[in-house]
Protein backbone atom coordinates (compact mmCIF):
# COMPACT_ATOMS: atom_id res chain seq x y z
CA MET A 1 12.64 -13.31 -4.75
CA ASN A 2 12.48 -9.94 -6.53
CA GLU A 3 9.18 -8.10 -6.69
CA PRO A 4 7.76 -7.55 -10.18
CA THR A 5 8.83 -4.23 -11.72
CA LEU A 6 6.17 -1.55 -11.95
CA THR A 7 5.89 0.56 -15.11
CA ALA A 8 5.21 4.29 -15.24
CA GLU A 9 1.81 3.64 -16.85
CA GLU A 10 0.86 1.18 -14.08
CA PHE A 11 1.92 3.81 -11.54
CA ARG A 12 -0.35 6.40 -13.14
CA LYS A 13 -3.34 4.05 -13.36
CA THR A 14 -2.93 2.86 -9.76
CA ALA A 15 -2.64 6.42 -8.45
CA GLU A 16 -5.77 7.39 -10.40
CA ALA A 17 -7.64 4.38 -9.01
CA ILE A 18 -6.68 5.27 -5.43
CA GLU A 19 -7.76 8.89 -5.92
CA SER A 20 -11.02 7.72 -7.48
CA GLN A 21 -11.82 5.48 -4.51
CA VAL A 22 -11.06 8.24 -2.00
CA LYS A 23 -13.23 10.71 -3.93
CA GLN A 24 -16.20 8.33 -3.60
CA VAL A 25 -16.18 9.14 0.12
CA ILE A 26 -14.53 12.57 0.38
CA VAL A 27 -16.44 15.41 -1.24
CA GLY A 28 -14.28 17.96 -3.10
CA GLN A 29 -10.83 18.59 -1.60
CA ALA A 30 -9.14 17.35 -4.80
CA GLU A 31 -5.85 19.10 -4.00
CA LEU A 32 -5.86 17.76 -0.44
CA ILE A 33 -6.40 14.20 -1.68
CA ARG A 34 -3.65 14.46 -4.31
CA LEU A 35 -1.08 16.02 -1.98
CA THR A 36 -1.81 13.42 0.71
CA LEU A 37 -1.34 10.63 -1.82
CA VAL A 38 1.91 12.21 -3.07
CA THR A 39 3.20 12.27 0.51
CA LEU A 40 2.34 8.59 0.96
CA LEU A 41 4.05 7.63 -2.30
CA ALA A 42 7.11 9.67 -1.30
CA GLY A 43 7.40 7.73 1.95
CA GLY A 44 6.98 10.95 3.92
CA ASN A 45 4.56 12.36 6.48
CA ALA A 46 2.08 15.21 6.13
CA LEU A 47 0.92 17.98 8.45
CA LEU A 48 -2.67 19.09 7.89
CA GLU A 49 -3.91 22.42 9.18
CA GLY A 50 -7.60 23.18 9.22
CA VAL A 51 -10.59 23.80 11.44
CA PRO A 52 -12.38 20.78 12.98
CA GLY A 53 -15.03 18.90 11.05
CA LEU A 54 -13.50 19.04 7.56
CA GLY A 55 -13.06 15.27 7.21
CA LYS A 56 -9.38 14.83 8.05
CA THR A 57 -10.00 11.60 9.99
CA MET A 58 -12.28 10.30 7.26
CA LEU A 59 -9.62 11.08 4.64
CA VAL A 60 -6.94 8.96 6.31
CA ARG A 61 -9.35 6.11 7.08
CA THR A 62 -10.60 6.10 3.47
CA LEU A 63 -7.05 6.22 2.11
CA ALA A 64 -6.19 3.21 4.30
CA GLN A 65 -9.17 1.34 2.86
CA SER A 66 -8.13 2.27 -0.69
CA VAL A 67 -4.63 0.82 -0.23
CA ASP A 68 -5.80 -2.11 1.96
CA CYS A 69 -3.61 -1.10 4.93
CA ALA A 70 -4.08 -0.94 8.70
CA PHE A 71 -5.37 2.38 10.09
CA SER A 72 -4.87 3.84 13.55
CA ARG A 73 -5.95 7.12 15.15
CA ILE A 74 -4.22 8.77 18.10
CA GLN A 75 -5.95 11.69 19.83
CA PHE A 76 -3.23 13.86 21.35
CA THR A 77 -3.92 15.41 24.76
CA PRO A 78 -1.67 17.09 27.35
CA ASP A 79 -1.65 13.97 29.56
CA LEU A 80 -0.72 11.58 26.71
CA MET A 81 2.56 9.79 27.45
CA PRO A 82 5.11 8.31 24.98
CA ALA A 83 4.24 4.77 26.14
CA ASP A 84 0.61 5.42 25.15
CA ILE A 85 1.83 5.81 21.56
CA VAL A 86 4.75 3.42 21.05
CA GLY A 87 3.71 0.69 23.50
CA THR A 88 5.22 -0.75 26.66
CA ASN A 89 6.46 -3.94 28.30
CA ILE A 90 3.91 -5.77 30.43
CA ILE A 91 4.33 -8.77 32.74
CA MET A 92 2.91 -11.99 31.29
CA GLU A 93 2.59 -15.36 33.00
CA ASP A 94 2.80 -18.56 30.94
CA ALA A 95 1.18 -21.95 31.61
CA ASN A 96 4.10 -22.97 33.85
CA GLY A 97 3.68 -19.94 36.08
CA ILE A 98 6.83 -18.26 34.79
CA ARG A 99 6.56 -14.50 34.54
CA ARG A 100 8.30 -12.51 31.86
CA PHE A 101 8.10 -9.14 30.15
CA GLN A 102 6.34 -9.00 26.80
CA PHE A 103 6.16 -5.98 24.51
CA GLU A 104 2.63 -4.73 23.85
CA PRO A 105 2.65 -2.56 20.71
CA GLY A 106 0.95 0.83 20.83
CA PRO A 107 -1.32 2.43 18.21
CA ILE A 108 1.73 3.66 16.26
CA PHE A 109 2.03 0.10 14.89
CA ALA A 110 -0.16 0.61 11.83
CA ASN A 111 0.43 1.53 8.20
CA LEU A 112 -1.50 4.79 8.18
CA VAL A 113 -1.60 6.72 11.45
CA LEU A 114 -3.65 9.83 12.15
CA ALA A 115 -1.99 11.99 14.82
CA ASP A 116 -4.95 14.19 15.66
CA GLU A 117 -4.15 17.63 17.15
CA ILE A 118 -0.48 16.79 17.62
CA ASN A 119 0.19 20.25 19.07
CA ARG A 120 -1.91 19.43 22.17
CA ALA A 121 0.65 16.89 23.46
CA THR A 122 3.71 17.83 25.48
CA PRO A 123 7.10 18.14 23.74
CA LYS A 124 8.18 14.82 25.31
CA THR A 125 5.30 12.97 23.64
CA GLN A 126 5.72 14.90 20.38
CA SER A 127 9.37 13.84 20.26
CA ALA A 128 8.45 10.16 20.64
CA MET A 129 6.02 10.46 17.76
CA LEU A 130 8.43 12.34 15.53
CA GLU A 131 11.20 9.83 16.23
CA ALA A 132 8.93 7.02 15.04
CA MET A 133 8.10 9.06 11.93
CA GLN A 134 11.77 9.62 11.12
CA GLU A 135 13.23 6.21 11.95
CA HIS A 136 10.21 3.97 11.21
CA SER A 137 11.02 2.20 14.46
CA VAL A 138 10.58 2.61 18.21
CA THR A 139 12.92 1.65 21.03
CA VAL A 140 11.54 0.32 24.32
CA SER A 141 13.88 -0.96 27.07
CA LYS A 142 16.85 -0.85 24.69
CA ILE A 143 15.07 -3.10 22.16
CA THR A 144 14.23 -1.65 18.75
CA HIS A 145 10.93 -2.61 17.14
CA ARG A 146 10.40 -1.92 13.43
CA LEU A 147 7.15 -0.34 12.33
CA PRO A 148 5.12 -1.93 9.51
CA GLU A 149 5.75 -0.78 5.95
CA PRO A 150 4.48 1.26 4.27
CA PHE A 151 4.32 3.67 7.21
CA PHE A 152 2.64 7.05 6.89
CA VAL A 153 1.68 9.63 9.52
CA LEU A 154 -0.82 12.38 8.89
CA ALA A 155 -0.72 14.87 11.76
CA THR A 156 -3.32 17.59 12.22
CA GLN A 157 -3.42 20.86 14.12
CA ASN A 158 -6.16 23.40 14.65
CA PRO A 159 -5.04 26.93 13.59
CA ILE A 160 -7.77 28.69 15.59
CA GLU A 161 -7.63 27.46 19.18
CA MET A 162 -4.03 27.76 20.39
CA GLU A 163 -4.66 27.99 24.16
CA GLY A 164 -3.16 25.04 26.04
CA THR A 165 -1.17 23.83 23.02
CA TYR A 166 2.53 23.15 22.46
CA PRO A 167 3.41 24.46 18.98
CA LEU A 168 5.83 22.26 17.07
CA PRO A 169 9.35 23.75 16.91
CA GLU A 170 10.70 24.62 13.46
CA ALA A 171 13.19 21.73 13.63
CA GLN A 172 10.31 19.29 14.10
CA LEU A 173 8.09 20.92 11.47
CA ASP A 174 10.96 20.37 9.03
CA ARG A 175 10.48 16.61 9.35
CA PHE A 176 7.10 16.78 7.61
CA PHE A 177 7.27 16.24 3.85
CA PHE A 178 4.27 18.49 3.12
CA LYS A 179 2.18 20.96 5.07
CA ILE A 180 -1.31 20.95 3.58
CA LEU A 181 -4.00 23.53 4.31
CA VAL A 182 -7.55 22.13 4.42
CA GLU A 183 -9.92 24.59 2.79
CA PHE A 184 -13.56 25.03 3.83
CA PRO A 185 -16.03 23.43 1.38
CA THR A 186 -18.06 25.43 -1.13
CA VAL A 187 -21.86 25.66 -0.92
CA GLU A 188 -22.25 22.91 -3.53
CA GLU A 189 -19.83 20.67 -1.64
CA LEU A 190 -21.64 21.29 1.64
CA VAL A 191 -24.91 20.17 0.03
CA ASP A 192 -23.18 17.04 -1.31
CA ILE A 193 -21.64 16.30 2.11
CA ALA A 194 -25.03 16.58 3.81
CA ALA A 195 -26.66 14.35 1.20
CA ARG A 196 -24.00 11.65 1.60
CA THR A 197 -23.80 11.64 5.38
CA THR A 198 -27.48 11.94 6.35
CA SER A 199 -28.89 9.14 4.18
CA VAL A 200 -29.25 5.43 4.88
CA ASP A 201 -26.51 4.35 2.48
CA THR A 202 -23.05 5.73 3.23
CA PRO A 203 -20.37 5.47 0.54
CA SER A 204 -17.24 3.40 1.15
CA ALA A 205 -13.94 2.86 -0.63
CA GLN A 206 -12.70 -0.41 -2.11
CA PRO A 207 -9.04 -1.46 -2.25
CA ALA A 208 -7.28 -0.19 -5.37
CA ALA A 209 -3.80 -1.32 -4.23
CA ASP A 210 -2.08 -2.99 -1.30
CA GLY A 211 0.98 -2.39 0.83
CA GLY A 212 3.25 -4.25 -1.57
CA LYS A 213 2.06 -2.17 -4.53
CA ILE A 214 2.59 1.06 -2.57
CA ARG A 215 6.16 -0.02 -1.80
CA GLN A 216 6.77 -0.68 -5.51
CA MET A 217 5.37 2.75 -6.39
CA GLN A 218 7.64 4.38 -3.80
CA MET A 219 10.69 2.66 -5.29
CA LEU A 220 9.70 3.53 -8.87
CA ALA A 221 9.28 7.21 -7.92
CA ARG A 222 12.82 7.37 -6.56
CA GLY A 223 14.15 5.91 -9.82
CA VAL A 224 12.68 8.62 -12.04
CA PRO A 225 15.55 10.52 -13.74
CA ILE A 226 15.83 14.29 -13.36
CA ALA A 227 17.89 16.57 -15.61
CA GLY A 228 20.67 18.64 -14.10
CA HIS A 229 19.08 21.98 -15.06
CA VAL A 230 15.79 20.96 -13.39
CA MET A 231 17.70 19.95 -10.26
CA ALA A 232 19.50 23.32 -10.37
CA TYR A 233 16.14 25.12 -10.68
CA ALA A 234 14.94 23.48 -7.46
CA ALA A 235 18.21 24.47 -5.77
CA HIS A 236 17.80 28.11 -6.88
CA ILE A 237 14.26 28.16 -5.47
CA LEU A 238 15.52 26.85 -2.14
CA LYS A 239 18.41 29.33 -1.99
CA ALA A 240 16.00 32.16 -2.75
CA THR A 241 14.17 31.47 0.55
CA HIS A 242 17.24 32.67 2.51
CA PRO A 243 17.30 36.40 3.34
CA GLU A 244 21.11 36.58 3.50
CA GLU A 245 21.38 35.75 -0.22
CA GLU A 246 21.89 38.86 -2.36
CA THR A 247 19.92 37.32 -5.23
CA SER A 248 16.86 36.60 -3.05
CA PRO A 249 13.70 38.59 -3.89
CA LYS A 250 13.07 41.78 -1.92
CA ILE A 251 10.14 40.23 -0.02
CA VAL A 252 12.47 37.49 1.30
CA ARG A 253 15.17 39.91 2.46
CA GLU A 254 12.59 42.06 4.24
CA PHE A 255 10.16 39.52 5.73
CA VAL A 256 11.94 36.17 6.20
CA ARG A 257 13.90 35.29 9.31
CA TYR A 258 15.13 31.84 8.27
CA GLY A 259 14.91 30.02 4.94
CA ALA A 260 14.22 26.39 4.08
CA SER A 261 16.60 23.53 4.92
CA PRO A 262 18.02 20.92 2.50
CA ARG A 263 15.04 18.72 3.42
CA GLY A 264 12.98 21.21 1.43
CA MET A 265 15.11 20.46 -1.63
CA GLN A 266 14.60 16.73 -1.13
CA ALA A 267 10.83 17.25 -0.90
CA LEU A 268 10.80 19.38 -4.09
CA ILE A 269 12.68 16.73 -6.08
CA LEU A 270 10.81 13.67 -4.81
CA ALA A 271 7.38 15.31 -5.12
CA GLY A 272 8.32 16.49 -8.61
CA LYS A 273 9.10 12.91 -9.62
CA ILE A 274 5.73 11.70 -8.34
CA PHE A 275 3.82 14.53 -10.05
CA ALA A 276 5.58 13.56 -13.30
CA LEU A 277 4.57 9.90 -12.94
CA MET A 278 0.99 10.88 -12.13
CA ASP A 279 0.98 12.86 -15.36
CA GLY A 280 2.22 9.83 -17.31
CA ARG A 281 5.80 11.09 -17.74
CA TYR A 282 9.07 9.47 -16.72
CA ASN A 283 10.96 12.76 -16.53
CA VAL A 284 10.62 15.76 -14.22
CA ALA A 285 9.61 19.14 -15.67
CA PHE A 286 9.93 22.65 -14.22
CA ASP A 287 6.15 22.70 -13.63
CA ASP A 288 6.45 19.64 -11.40
CA ILE A 289 8.90 21.50 -9.16
CA ARG A 290 6.68 24.58 -9.09
CA GLN A 291 3.65 22.46 -8.22
CA ALA A 292 5.47 21.04 -5.20
CA ALA A 293 6.95 24.35 -3.99
CA VAL A 294 4.15 25.69 -1.77
CA PRO A 295 3.28 22.54 0.24
CA ALA A 296 6.96 21.56 0.49
CA LEU A 297 8.27 24.96 1.66
CA ARG A 298 5.46 26.79 3.50
CA HIS A 299 6.36 25.22 6.87
CA ARG A 300 10.12 25.49 6.28
CA ILE A 301 10.16 29.26 5.84
CA LEU A 302 10.05 31.30 9.05
CA PRO A 303 8.58 34.79 8.50
CA ASN A 304 9.79 37.54 10.83
CA PHE A 305 7.72 39.76 13.10
CA GLU A 306 7.25 42.42 10.40
CA ALA A 307 5.71 39.82 8.09
CA GLN A 308 3.26 38.74 10.79
CA ALA A 309 2.36 42.36 11.54
CA GLU A 310 1.66 43.11 7.87
CA GLY A 311 -0.15 39.81 7.21
CA ILE A 312 2.42 38.48 4.75
CA THR A 313 2.19 34.68 4.67
CA ALA A 314 4.73 32.06 3.69
CA ASP A 315 2.51 31.15 0.71
CA ARG A 316 2.75 34.71 -0.64
CA ILE A 317 6.53 34.72 -0.16
CA ILE A 318 6.86 31.43 -2.06
CA GLY A 319 4.65 32.77 -4.84
CA GLU A 320 6.94 35.76 -5.35
CA ILE A 321 10.00 33.49 -5.24
CA LEU A 322 8.54 31.39 -8.07
CA GLU A 323 7.96 34.56 -10.10
CA ALA A 324 11.50 35.81 -9.48
CA VAL A 325 13.43 32.57 -10.04
CA GLN A 326 13.48 31.64 -13.72
CA PRO A 327 14.59 28.21 -14.94
CA GLU A 328 17.81 27.91 -16.86
CA LYS A 329 17.82 26.37 -20.32
CA ALA A 330 19.47 23.01 -20.77
């Protein structure tokens, strides 16, 4: 039986309702909430970077409540093993005394998973997590177990304390749809946070959608048409991140070691489609691509040593790329 078709207007209203429910709990952080929702609707995974205490766990839990999905939190530590995440086979004995192995699912078997401080786990454990993110399945004792859909991982890392951590390699960072920076709240937002969290009544989110609706929204987003010249604009932006290209801006040729991969192009296009739908349009504009550029590319561009020495960030490099690359007319 086919699922009912979702319209672009229903997509926009549902996305607005989800954002509204999350904002009842999360103070400020409007860009963080929107980019996290875009990642969920794209079927991707997000990497959040920010100091502790900014509400990253609360964000994912509230988002899970808003879409009526199962939530799970995994605290990564150096002694965490892959079986602690994906699950393992345990010996069970039935009523007849017959023993057999039975798979016991790990915390990865949820719709929305928070991988807290993922860079504190060893590369072996990180690989198990990233495999589940990519394949939406885990394999234990040669048996593959599918993860529930929709499946979304939000991983966090602390940019300040790096001692005793295992930084994610560039090839693994590339698997994240967006990298989102969590900004510190303003004075007004801090007052609002204190008022909400130190009173008797604590706000909560109500379901604005369910897993089935999220799946429909994901499918609708992929069906949004995109003009050839808009697609070419995204391709030119991606090519401009590579220092070996003669047409790349000067800042790229001087301060970039490696540019973005084709996954960056996929993220630009898919995020652009979702931004268009959220704006009530069924076609992708140049502004949609530009809006997606920084979170989609900042972790896919590798600055060189000179850039680090002079304090030139990936965000600044992307900003100059967007100024240099002009869209072509249809």
